[in-house]
Full PDB file with SEQRES, HELIX, SHEET, SSBOND, CRYST1, ORIGX, SCALE, CONECT and MASTER records, all heavy atoms in Angstrom:
SEQRES   1 A   39  VAL PHE ILE ASP ALA ASP GLY LYS VAL MET ASP ASN SER          
SEQRES   2 A   39  ASP ASN ARG LYS PHE ALA THR THR ASN ALA PRO ILE THR          
SEQRES   3 A   39  LYS ALA GLY PRO LYS PRO THR ASN LEU GLY THR SER GLN          
CRYST1    1.000    1.000    1.000  90.00  90.00  90.00 P 1           1          
ORIGX1      1.000000  0.000000  0.000000        0.00000                         
ORIGX2      0.000000  1.000000  0.000000        0.00000                         
ORIGX3      0.000000  0.000000  1.000000        0.00000                         
SCALE1      1.000000  0.000000  0.000000        0.00000                         
SCALE2      0.000000  1.000000  0.000000        0.00000                         
SCALE3      0.000000  0.000000  1.000000        0.00000                         
ATOM      1  N   VAL A   1      34.365  -0.067  -2.073  1.00  0.00           N  
ATOM      2  CA  VAL A   1      33.649   0.444  -0.892  1.00  0.00           C  
ATOM      3  C   VAL A   1      34.748   0.822  -0.008  1.00  0.00           C  
ATOM      4  O   VAL A   1      35.917   0.347   0.000  1.00  0.00           O  
ATOM      5  CB  VAL A   1      32.823  -0.743  -0.240  1.00  0.00           C  
ATOM      6  CG1 VAL A   1      31.551  -1.002  -1.147  1.00  0.00           C  
ATOM      7  CG2 VAL A   1      33.679  -1.965  -0.082  1.00  0.00           C  
ATOM      8  N   PHE A   2      34.364   1.742   0.993  1.00  0.00           N  
ATOM      9  CA  PHE A   2      35.418   2.196   1.942  1.00  0.00           C  
ATOM     10  C   PHE A   2      35.360   1.064   3.073  1.00  0.00           C  
ATOM     11  O   PHE A   2      34.326   0.491   3.509  1.00  0.00           O  
ATOM     12  CB  PHE A   2      34.970   3.501   2.550  1.00  0.00           C  
ATOM     13  CG  PHE A   2      35.190   4.640   1.682  1.00  0.00           C  
ATOM     14  CD1 PHE A   2      34.219   5.102   0.866  1.00  0.00           C  
ATOM     15  CD2 PHE A   2      36.496   5.226   1.599  1.00  0.00           C  
ATOM     16  CE1 PHE A   2      34.453   6.324  -0.001  1.00  0.00           C  
ATOM     17  CE2 PHE A   2      36.868   6.156   0.728  1.00  0.00           C  
ATOM     18  CZ  PHE A   2      35.788   6.714  -0.023  1.00  0.00           C  
ATOM     19  N   ILE A   3      36.533   0.852   3.661  1.00  0.00           N  
ATOM     20  CA  ILE A   3      36.762  -0.129   4.675  1.00  0.00           C  
ATOM     21  C   ILE A   3      37.579   0.535   5.784  1.00  0.00           C  
ATOM     22  O   ILE A   3      38.289   1.564   5.597  1.00  0.00           O  
ATOM     23  CB  ILE A   3      37.397  -1.436   4.237  1.00  0.00           C  
ATOM     24  CG1 ILE A   3      38.738  -1.044   3.478  1.00  0.00           C  
ATOM     25  CG2 ILE A   3      36.561  -2.217   3.305  1.00  0.00           C  
ATOM     26  CD1 ILE A   3      39.556  -2.287   3.106  1.00  0.00           C  
ATOM     27  N   ASP A   4      37.379   0.086   6.959  1.00  0.00           N  
ATOM     28  CA  ASP A   4      38.146   0.706   8.075  1.00  0.00           C  
ATOM     29  C   ASP A   4      39.373  -0.066   8.269  1.00  0.00           C  
ATOM     30  O   ASP A   4      39.776  -0.858   7.414  1.00  0.00           O  
ATOM     31  CB  ASP A   4      37.311   0.601   9.337  1.00  0.00           C  
ATOM     32  CG  ASP A   4      36.922  -0.815   9.750  1.00  0.00           C  
ATOM     33  OD1 ASP A   4      37.589  -1.837   9.354  1.00  0.00           O  
ATOM     34  OD2 ASP A   4      35.909  -1.052  10.524  1.00  0.00           O  
ATOM     35  N   ALA A   5      40.188   0.214   9.343  1.00  0.00           N  
ATOM     36  CA  ALA A   5      41.424  -0.239   9.598  1.00  0.00           C  
ATOM     37  C   ALA A   5      41.446  -1.786   9.731  1.00  0.00           C  
ATOM     38  O   ALA A   5      42.458  -2.445   9.402  1.00  0.00           O  
ATOM     39  CB  ALA A   5      42.207   0.308  10.760  1.00  0.00           C  
ATOM     40  N   ASP A   6      40.246  -2.323  10.126  1.00  0.00           N  
ATOM     41  CA  ASP A   6      40.200  -3.765  10.264  1.00  0.00           C  
ATOM     42  C   ASP A   6      39.738  -4.492   9.005  1.00  0.00           C  
ATOM     43  O   ASP A   6      39.472  -5.747   9.091  1.00  0.00           O  
ATOM     44  CB  ASP A   6      39.228  -4.073  11.477  1.00  0.00           C  
ATOM     45  CG  ASP A   6      39.850  -3.642  12.735  1.00  0.00           C  
ATOM     46  OD1 ASP A   6      41.095  -3.715  12.907  1.00  0.00           O  
ATOM     47  OD2 ASP A   6      39.100  -3.170  13.590  1.00  0.00           O  
ATOM     48  N   GLY A   7      39.487  -3.694   7.980  1.00  0.00           N  
ATOM     49  CA  GLY A   7      38.995  -4.409   6.671  1.00  0.00           C  
ATOM     50  C   GLY A   7      37.524  -4.518   6.720  1.00  0.00           C  
ATOM     51  O   GLY A   7      36.916  -5.109   5.668  1.00  0.00           O  
ATOM     52  N   LYS A   8      36.790  -3.982   7.665  1.00  0.00           N  
ATOM     53  CA  LYS A   8      35.316  -4.086   7.620  1.00  0.00           C  
ATOM     54  C   LYS A   8      34.752  -3.004   6.805  1.00  0.00           C  
ATOM     55  O   LYS A   8      35.168  -1.793   6.791  1.00  0.00           O  
ATOM     56  CB  LYS A   8      34.819  -3.886   9.035  1.00  0.00           C  
ATOM     57  CG  LYS A   8      35.279  -5.103  10.064  1.00  0.00           C  
ATOM     58  CD  LYS A   8      34.692  -4.998  11.369  1.00  0.00           C  
ATOM     59  CE  LYS A   8      35.189  -6.026  12.308  1.00  0.00           C  
ATOM     60  NZ  LYS A   8      34.645  -5.922  13.756  1.00  0.00           N  
ATOM     61  N   VAL A   9      33.782  -3.322   6.050  1.00  0.00           N  
ATOM     62  CA  VAL A   9      33.107  -2.388   5.214  1.00  0.00           C  
ATOM     63  C   VAL A   9      32.281  -1.269   5.946  1.00  0.00           C  
ATOM     64  O   VAL A   9      31.598  -1.661   6.890  1.00  0.00           O  
ATOM     65  CB  VAL A   9      32.117  -3.112   4.166  1.00  0.00           C  
ATOM     66  CG1 VAL A   9      31.366  -2.112   3.284  1.00  0.00           C  
ATOM     67  CG2 VAL A   9      32.833  -4.152   3.389  1.00  0.00           C  
ATOM     68  N   MET A  10      32.522  -0.074   5.657  1.00  0.00           N  
ATOM     69  CA  MET A  10      31.845   0.978   6.394  1.00  0.00           C  
ATOM     70  C   MET A  10      30.464   1.056   5.835  1.00  0.00           C  
ATOM     71  O   MET A  10      30.120   0.760   4.702  1.00  0.00           O  
ATOM     72  CB  MET A  10      32.583   2.372   6.126  1.00  0.00           C  
ATOM     73  CG  MET A  10      34.014   2.295   6.723  1.00  0.00           C  
ATOM     74  SD  MET A  10      34.842   3.922   6.413  1.00  0.00           S  
ATOM     75  CE  MET A  10      33.986   5.050   7.388  1.00  0.00           C  
ATOM     76  N   ASP A  11      29.515   1.545   6.706  1.00  0.00           N  
ATOM     77  CA  ASP A  11      28.080   1.657   6.330  1.00  0.00           C  
ATOM     78  C   ASP A  11      27.895   2.610   5.224  1.00  0.00           C  
ATOM     79  O   ASP A  11      28.062   3.744   5.385  1.00  0.00           O  
ATOM     80  CB  ASP A  11      27.268   2.038   7.608  1.00  0.00           C  
ATOM     81  CG  ASP A  11      25.765   2.042   7.320  1.00  0.00           C  
ATOM     82  OD1 ASP A  11      25.330   1.366   6.268  1.00  0.00           O  
ATOM     83  OD2 ASP A  11      24.991   2.762   7.984  1.00  0.00           O  
ATOM     84  N   ASN A  12      27.358   2.195   4.098  1.00  0.00           N  
ATOM     85  CA  ASN A  12      26.911   3.068   2.978  1.00  0.00           C  
ATOM     86  C   ASN A  12      25.596   2.745   2.535  1.00  0.00           C  
ATOM     87  O   ASN A  12      25.245   2.933   1.384  1.00  0.00           O  
ATOM     88  CB  ASN A  12      27.956   2.889   1.805  1.00  0.00           C  
ATOM     89  CG  ASN A  12      27.939   1.438   1.264  1.00  0.00           C  
ATOM     90  OD1 ASN A  12      27.444   0.489   1.824  1.00  0.00           O  
ATOM     91  ND2 ASN A  12      28.610   1.278   0.148  1.00  0.00           N  
ATOM     92  N   SER A  13      24.710   2.315   3.543  1.00  0.00           N  
ATOM     93  CA  SER A  13      23.377   2.011   3.122  1.00  0.00           C  
ATOM     94  C   SER A  13      22.593   3.294   2.945  1.00  0.00           C  
ATOM     95  O   SER A  13      22.939   4.296   3.399  1.00  0.00           O  
ATOM     96  CB  SER A  13      22.770   1.192   4.247  1.00  0.00           C  
ATOM     97  OG  SER A  13      22.762   1.790   5.416  1.00  0.00           O  
ATOM     98  N   ASP A  14      21.528   3.136   2.150  1.00  0.00           N  
ATOM     99  CA  ASP A  14      20.768   4.317   1.842  1.00  0.00           C  
ATOM    100  C   ASP A  14      19.670   4.437   2.820  1.00  0.00           C  
ATOM    101  O   ASP A  14      18.516   4.157   2.693  1.00  0.00           O  
ATOM    102  CB  ASP A  14      20.190   4.140   0.341  1.00  0.00           C  
ATOM    103  CG  ASP A  14      19.414   5.383   0.019  1.00  0.00           C  
ATOM    104  OD1 ASP A  14      19.461   6.408   0.673  1.00  0.00           O  
ATOM    105  OD2 ASP A  14      18.777   5.337  -1.220  1.00  0.00           O  
ATOM    106  N   ASN A  15      20.023   5.044   4.035  1.00  0.00           N  
ATOM    107  CA  ASN A  15      19.038   5.237   5.097  1.00  0.00           C  
ATOM    108  C   ASN A  15      18.814   6.708   5.309  1.00  0.00           C  
ATOM    109  O   ASN A  15      18.422   7.038   6.445  1.00  0.00           O  
ATOM    110  CB  ASN A  15      19.540   4.569   6.342  1.00  0.00           C  
ATOM    111  CG  ASN A  15      20.944   5.056   6.849  1.00  0.00           C  
ATOM    112  OD1 ASN A  15      21.595   5.964   6.185  1.00  0.00           O  
ATOM    113  ND2 ASN A  15      21.637   4.413   7.818  1.00  0.00           N  
ATOM    114  N   ARG A  16      19.169   7.551   4.364  1.00  0.00           N  
ATOM    115  CA  ARG A  16      19.005   8.998   4.599  1.00  0.00           C  
ATOM    116  C   ARG A  16      17.491   9.421   4.522  1.00  0.00           C  
ATOM    117  O   ARG A  16      16.703   8.657   3.968  1.00  0.00           O  
ATOM    118  CB  ARG A  16      19.764   9.805   3.474  1.00  0.00           C  
ATOM    119  CG  ARG A  16      19.155   9.663   2.106  1.00  0.00           C  
ATOM    120  CD  ARG A  16      20.155  10.043   1.024  1.00  0.00           C  
ATOM    121  NE  ARG A  16      19.442  10.172  -0.331  1.00  0.00           N  
ATOM    122  CZ  ARG A  16      19.263   9.102  -0.975  1.00  0.00           C  
ATOM    123  NH1 ARG A  16      19.560   7.875  -0.564  1.00  0.00           N  
ATOM    124  NH2 ARG A  16      18.748   9.190  -2.194  1.00  0.00           N  
ATOM    125  N   LYS A  17      17.115  10.588   5.006  1.00  0.00           N  
ATOM    126  CA  LYS A  17      15.876  11.228   4.831  1.00  0.00           C  
ATOM    127  C   LYS A  17      15.936  12.220   3.800  1.00  0.00           C  
ATOM    128  O   LYS A  17      16.870  12.926   3.563  1.00  0.00           O  
ATOM    129  CB  LYS A  17      15.346  11.812   6.161  1.00  0.00           C  
ATOM    130  CG  LYS A  17      15.174  10.763   7.315  1.00  0.00           C  
ATOM    131  CD  LYS A  17      14.747  11.391   8.514  1.00  0.00           C  
ATOM    132  CE  LYS A  17      14.429  10.340   9.720  1.00  0.00           C  
ATOM    133  NZ  LYS A  17      14.005  10.935  10.910  1.00  0.00           N  
ATOM    134  N   PHE A  18      14.771  12.409   3.033  1.00  0.00           N  
ATOM    135  CA  PHE A  18      14.753  13.417   2.034  1.00  0.00           C  
ATOM    136  C   PHE A  18      14.753  14.810   2.657  1.00  0.00           C  
ATOM    137  O   PHE A  18      13.989  14.988   3.590  1.00  0.00           O  
ATOM    138  CB  PHE A  18      13.588  13.170   1.092  1.00  0.00           C  
ATOM    139  CG  PHE A  18      13.753  11.935   0.123  1.00  0.00           C  
ATOM    140  CD1 PHE A  18      13.175  10.710   0.597  1.00  0.00           C  
ATOM    141  CD2 PHE A  18      14.327  12.035  -0.993  1.00  0.00           C  
ATOM    142  CE1 PHE A  18      13.345   9.626  -0.165  1.00  0.00           C  
ATOM    143  CE2 PHE A  18      14.530  10.888  -1.872  1.00  0.00           C  
ATOM    144  CZ  PHE A  18      14.035   9.786  -1.382  1.00  0.00           C  
ATOM    145  N   ALA A  19      15.412  15.812   2.082  1.00  0.00           N  
ATOM    146  CA  ALA A  19      15.444  17.066   2.570  1.00  0.00           C  
ATOM    147  C   ALA A  19      14.092  17.859   2.494  1.00  0.00           C  
ATOM    148  O   ALA A  19      13.700  18.620   3.335  1.00  0.00           O  
ATOM    149  CB  ALA A  19      16.556  17.933   1.890  1.00  0.00           C  
ATOM    150  N   THR A  20      13.323  17.493   1.403  1.00  0.00           N  
ATOM    151  CA  THR A  20      12.041  18.153   1.077  1.00  0.00           C  
ATOM    152  C   THR A  20      11.017  17.528   2.074  1.00  0.00           C  
ATOM    153  O   THR A  20      11.079  16.346   2.422  1.00  0.00           O  
ATOM    154  CB  THR A  20      11.637  17.929  -0.271  1.00  0.00           C  
ATOM    155  OG1 THR A  20      10.397  18.550  -0.386  1.00  0.00           O  
ATOM    156  CG2 THR A  20      11.641  16.580  -0.747  1.00  0.00           C  
ATOM    157  N   THR A  21      10.060  18.200   2.346  1.00  0.00           N  
ATOM    158  CA  THR A  21       8.887  17.738   3.214  1.00  0.00           C  
ATOM    159  C   THR A  21       7.902  16.973   2.396  1.00  0.00           C  
ATOM    160  O   THR A  21       7.086  16.232   2.983  1.00  0.00           O  
ATOM    161  CB  THR A  21       8.246  18.883   3.890  1.00  0.00           C  
ATOM    162  OG1 THR A  21       7.664  19.808   2.847  1.00  0.00           O  
ATOM    163  CG2 THR A  21       9.081  19.700   4.838  1.00  0.00           C  
ATOM    164  N   ASN A  22       8.057  17.064   1.009  1.00  0.00           N  
ATOM    165  CA  ASN A  22       7.081  16.186   0.235  1.00  0.00           C  
ATOM    166  C   ASN A  22       7.825  14.908  -0.180  1.00  0.00           C  
ATOM    167  O   ASN A  22       8.969  14.908  -0.641  1.00  0.00           O  
ATOM    168  CB  ASN A  22       6.864  17.110  -1.059  1.00  0.00           C  
ATOM    169  CG  ASN A  22       6.029  18.338  -0.804  1.00  0.00           C  
ATOM    170  OD1 ASN A  22       5.273  18.391   0.011  1.00  0.00           O  
ATOM    171  ND2 ASN A  22       6.532  19.393  -1.520  1.00  0.00           N  
ATOM    172  N   ALA A  23       7.082  13.908  -0.014  1.00  0.00           N  
ATOM    173  CA  ALA A  23       7.600  12.499  -0.300  1.00  0.00           C  
ATOM    174  C   ALA A  23       7.788  12.521  -1.902  1.00  0.00           C  
ATOM    175  O   ALA A  23       7.071  13.110  -2.563  1.00  0.00           O  
ATOM    176  CB  ALA A  23       6.666  11.478   0.185  1.00  0.00           C  
ATOM    177  N   PRO A  24       8.752  11.685  -2.387  1.00  0.00           N  
ATOM    178  CA  PRO A  24       8.910  11.461  -3.776  1.00  0.00           C  
ATOM    179  C   PRO A  24       7.640  11.098  -4.462  1.00  0.00           C  
ATOM    180  O   PRO A  24       6.922  10.181  -3.891  1.00  0.00           O  
ATOM    181  CB  PRO A  24      10.077  10.444  -3.930  1.00  0.00           C  
ATOM    182  CG  PRO A  24      10.631  10.427  -2.551  1.00  0.00           C  
ATOM    183  CD  PRO A  24       9.637  10.860  -1.524  1.00  0.00           C  
ATOM    184  N   ILE A  25       7.309  11.483  -5.622  1.00  0.00           N  
ATOM    185  CA  ILE A  25       6.081  11.202  -6.370  1.00  0.00           C  
ATOM    186  C   ILE A  25       6.478  10.184  -7.405  1.00  0.00           C  
ATOM    187  O   ILE A  25       7.423  10.408  -8.222  1.00  0.00           O  
ATOM    188  CB  ILE A  25       5.400  12.531  -7.009  1.00  0.00           C  
ATOM    189  CG1 ILE A  25       5.085  13.444  -5.849  1.00  0.00           C  
ATOM    190  CG2 ILE A  25       4.195  12.119  -7.792  1.00  0.00           C  
ATOM    191  CD1 ILE A  25       4.591  14.708  -6.410  1.00  0.00           C  
ATOM    192  N   THR A  26       5.759   9.101  -7.523  1.00  0.00           N  
ATOM    193  CA  THR A  26       6.023   8.119  -8.616  1.00  0.00           C  
ATOM    194  C   THR A  26       5.325   8.591  -9.843  1.00  0.00           C  
ATOM    195  O   THR A  26       4.603   9.592  -9.816  1.00  0.00           O  
ATOM    196  CB  THR A  26       5.412   6.772  -8.121  1.00  0.00           C  
ATOM    197  OG1 THR A  26       4.055   6.838  -7.937  1.00  0.00           O  
ATOM    198  CG2 THR A  26       6.160   6.287  -6.821  1.00  0.00           C  
ATOM    199  N   LYS A  27       5.639   7.820 -10.855  1.00  0.00           N  
ATOM    200  CA  LYS A  27       5.097   8.334 -12.190  1.00  0.00           C  
ATOM    201  C   LYS A  27       3.512   8.282 -12.232  1.00  0.00           C  
ATOM    202  O   LYS A  27       2.928   9.118 -12.763  1.00  0.00           O  
ATOM    203  CB  LYS A  27       5.605   7.400 -13.278  1.00  0.00           C  
ATOM    204  CG  LYS A  27       5.223   7.785 -14.666  1.00  0.00           C  
ATOM    205  CD  LYS A  27       5.911   6.855 -15.751  1.00  0.00           C  
ATOM    206  CE  LYS A  27       5.431   7.335 -17.151  1.00  0.00           C  
ATOM    207  NZ  LYS A  27       6.223   6.464 -18.060  1.00  0.00           N  
ATOM    208  N   ALA A  28       2.996   7.382 -11.413  1.00  0.00           N  
ATOM    209  CA  ALA A  28       1.580   7.304 -11.356  1.00  0.00           C  
ATOM    210  C   ALA A  28       0.887   8.344 -10.400  1.00  0.00           C  
ATOM    211  O   ALA A  28      -0.276   8.502 -10.360  1.00  0.00           O  
ATOM    212  CB  ALA A  28       1.101   5.872 -10.996  1.00  0.00           C  
ATOM    213  N   GLY A  29       1.840   8.963  -9.641  1.00  0.00           N  
ATOM    214  CA  GLY A  29       1.311  10.017  -8.721  1.00  0.00           C  
ATOM    215  C   GLY A  29       0.770   9.305  -7.499  1.00  0.00           C  
ATOM    216  O   GLY A  29       0.822   8.030  -7.296  1.00  0.00           O  
ATOM    217  N   PRO A  30       0.278  10.062  -6.383  1.00  0.00           N  
ATOM    218  CA  PRO A  30      -0.298   9.632  -5.154  1.00  0.00           C  
ATOM    219  C   PRO A  30      -1.545   8.703  -5.480  1.00  0.00           C  
ATOM    220  O   PRO A  30      -2.362   8.991  -6.387  1.00  0.00           O  
ATOM    221  CB  PRO A  30      -0.561  10.806  -4.339  1.00  0.00           C  
ATOM    222  CG  PRO A  30      -0.680  11.911  -5.371  1.00  0.00           C  
ATOM    223  CD  PRO A  30       0.159  11.532  -6.576  1.00  0.00           C  
ATOM    224  N   LYS A  31      -1.761   7.739  -4.595  1.00  0.00           N  
ATOM    225  CA  LYS A  31      -2.938   6.932  -4.797  1.00  0.00           C  
ATOM    226  C   LYS A  31      -4.140   7.654  -4.523  1.00  0.00           C  
ATOM    227  O   LYS A  31      -4.323   8.393  -3.522  1.00  0.00           O  
ATOM    228  CB  LYS A  31      -2.820   5.711  -3.777  1.00  0.00           C  
ATOM    229  CG  LYS A  31      -3.876   4.767  -4.042  1.00  0.00           C  
ATOM    230  CD  LYS A  31      -3.653   3.508  -3.059  1.00  0.00           C  
ATOM    231  CE  LYS A  31      -4.690   2.385  -3.364  1.00  0.00           C  
ATOM    232  NZ  LYS A  31      -4.491   1.265  -2.483  1.00  0.00           N  
ATOM    233  N   PRO A  32      -5.135   7.754  -5.486  1.00  0.00           N  
ATOM    234  CA  PRO A  32      -6.340   8.434  -5.197  1.00  0.00           C  
ATOM    235  C   PRO A  32      -7.350   7.884  -4.222  1.00  0.00           C  
ATOM    236  O   PRO A  32      -7.226   6.631  -3.986  1.00  0.00           O  
ATOM    237  CB  PRO A  32      -6.941   8.422  -6.659  1.00  0.00           C  
ATOM    238  CG  PRO A  32      -6.571   7.115  -7.323  1.00  0.00           C  
ATOM    239  CD  PRO A  32      -5.068   6.935  -6.758  1.00  0.00           C  
ATOM    240  N   THR A  33      -8.130   8.724  -3.734  1.00  0.00           N  
ATOM    241  CA  THR A  33      -9.098   8.217  -2.753  1.00  0.00           C  
ATOM    242  C   THR A  33     -10.487   8.205  -3.317  1.00  0.00           C  
ATOM    243  O   THR A  33     -11.141   7.152  -3.285  1.00  0.00           O  
ATOM    244  CB  THR A  33      -9.000   9.004  -1.483  1.00  0.00           C  
ATOM    245  OG1 THR A  33      -9.231  10.438  -1.926  1.00  0.00           O  
ATOM    246  CG2 THR A  33      -7.599   9.036  -0.697  1.00  0.00           C  
ATOM    247  N   ASN A  34     -10.965   9.361  -3.781  1.00  0.00           N  
ATOM    248  CA  ASN A  34     -12.341   9.391  -4.324  1.00  0.00           C  
ATOM    249  C   ASN A  34     -12.406   9.722  -5.745  1.00  0.00           C  
ATOM    250  O   ASN A  34     -13.422  10.227  -6.150  1.00  0.00           O  
ATOM    251  CB  ASN A  34     -13.184  10.500  -3.424  1.00  0.00           C  
ATOM    252  CG  ASN A  34     -13.159  10.247  -1.989  1.00  0.00           C  
ATOM    253  OD1 ASN A  34     -13.281   9.127  -1.601  1.00  0.00           O  
ATOM    254  ND2 ASN A  34     -13.053  11.302  -1.106  1.00  0.00           N  
ATOM    255  N   LEU A  35     -11.362   9.456  -6.474  1.00  0.00           N  
ATOM    256  CA  LEU A  35     -11.341   9.678  -7.927  1.00  0.00           C  
ATOM    257  C   LEU A  35     -11.596   8.424  -8.717  1.00  0.00           C  
ATOM    258  O   LEU A  35     -11.265   7.348  -8.244  1.00  0.00           O  
ATOM    259  CB  LEU A  35      -9.977  10.293  -8.281  1.00  0.00           C  
ATOM    260  CG  LEU A  35      -9.615  11.634  -7.614  1.00  0.00           C  
ATOM    261  CD1 LEU A  35      -8.285  11.984  -8.181  1.00  0.00           C  
ATOM    262  CD2 LEU A  35     -10.638  12.779  -8.031  1.00  0.00           C  
ATOM    263  N   GLY A  36     -12.315   8.650  -9.830  1.00  0.00           N  
ATOM    264  CA  GLY A  36     -12.538   7.557 -10.739  1.00  0.00           C  
ATOM    265  C   GLY A  36     -11.197   7.063 -11.413  1.00  0.00           C  
ATOM    266  O   GLY A  36     -10.169   7.797 -11.385  1.00  0.00           O  
ATOM    267  N   THR A  37     -11.302   5.995 -12.084  1.00  0.00           N  
ATOM    268  CA  THR A  37     -10.112   5.495 -12.737  1.00  0.00           C  
ATOM    269  C   THR A  37      -9.546   6.441 -13.809  1.00  0.00           C  
ATOM    270  O   THR A  37      -8.309   6.680 -13.876  1.00  0.00           O  
ATOM    271  CB  THR A  37     -10.366   4.140 -13.407  1.00  0.00           C  
ATOM    272  OG1 THR A  37     -10.820   3.174 -12.515  1.00  0.00           O  
ATOM    273  CG2 THR A  37      -9.136   3.594 -14.158  1.00  0.00           C  
ATOM    274  N   SER A  38     -10.406   7.178 -14.491  1.00  0.00           N  
ATOM    275  CA  SER A  38     -10.059   8.039 -15.584  1.00  0.00           C  
ATOM    276  C   SER A  38      -9.557   9.453 -14.921  1.00  0.00           C  
ATOM    277  O   SER A  38      -9.089  10.297 -15.700  1.00  0.00           O  
ATOM    278  CB  SER A  38     -11.235   8.376 -16.544  1.00  0.00           C  
ATOM    279  OG  SER A  38     -12.357   8.924 -15.739  1.00  0.00           O  
ATOM    280  N   GLN A  39      -9.730   9.569 -13.702  1.00  0.00           N  
ATOM    281  CA  GLN A  39      -9.290  10.882 -12.985  1.00  0.00           C  
ATOM    282  C   GLN A  39      -8.024  10.792 -12.170  1.00  0.00           C  
ATOM    283  O   GLN A  39      -7.750  11.717 -11.497  1.00  0.00           O  
ATOM    284  CB  GLN A  39     -10.489  11.425 -12.203  1.00  0.00           C  
ATOM    285  CG  GLN A  39     -11.701  11.689 -12.956  1.00  0.00           C  
ATOM    286  CD  GLN A  39     -12.825  12.173 -12.021  1.00  0.00           C  
ATOM    287  OE1 GLN A  39     -13.200  11.433 -11.122  1.00  0.00           O  
ATOM    288  NE2 GLN A  39     -13.345  13.324 -12.174  1.00  0.00           N  
TER     289      GLN A  39                                                      
MASTER        0    0    0    0    0    0    0    6  288    1    0    3          
END                                                                             
C-alpha cells in the first residue's frame, strides 16, 4: 500500500462511482416487479 511521509496509509478504498449511467447487473438481473418466477 502507498504511505505518506509519516507512514500513514493513503486512502485506497473503493469509493468510486461507475462511469456508466447503468448500474452493474448481477447474474440474476434486476429484481422483477410484476413477473412470475419463471419469467
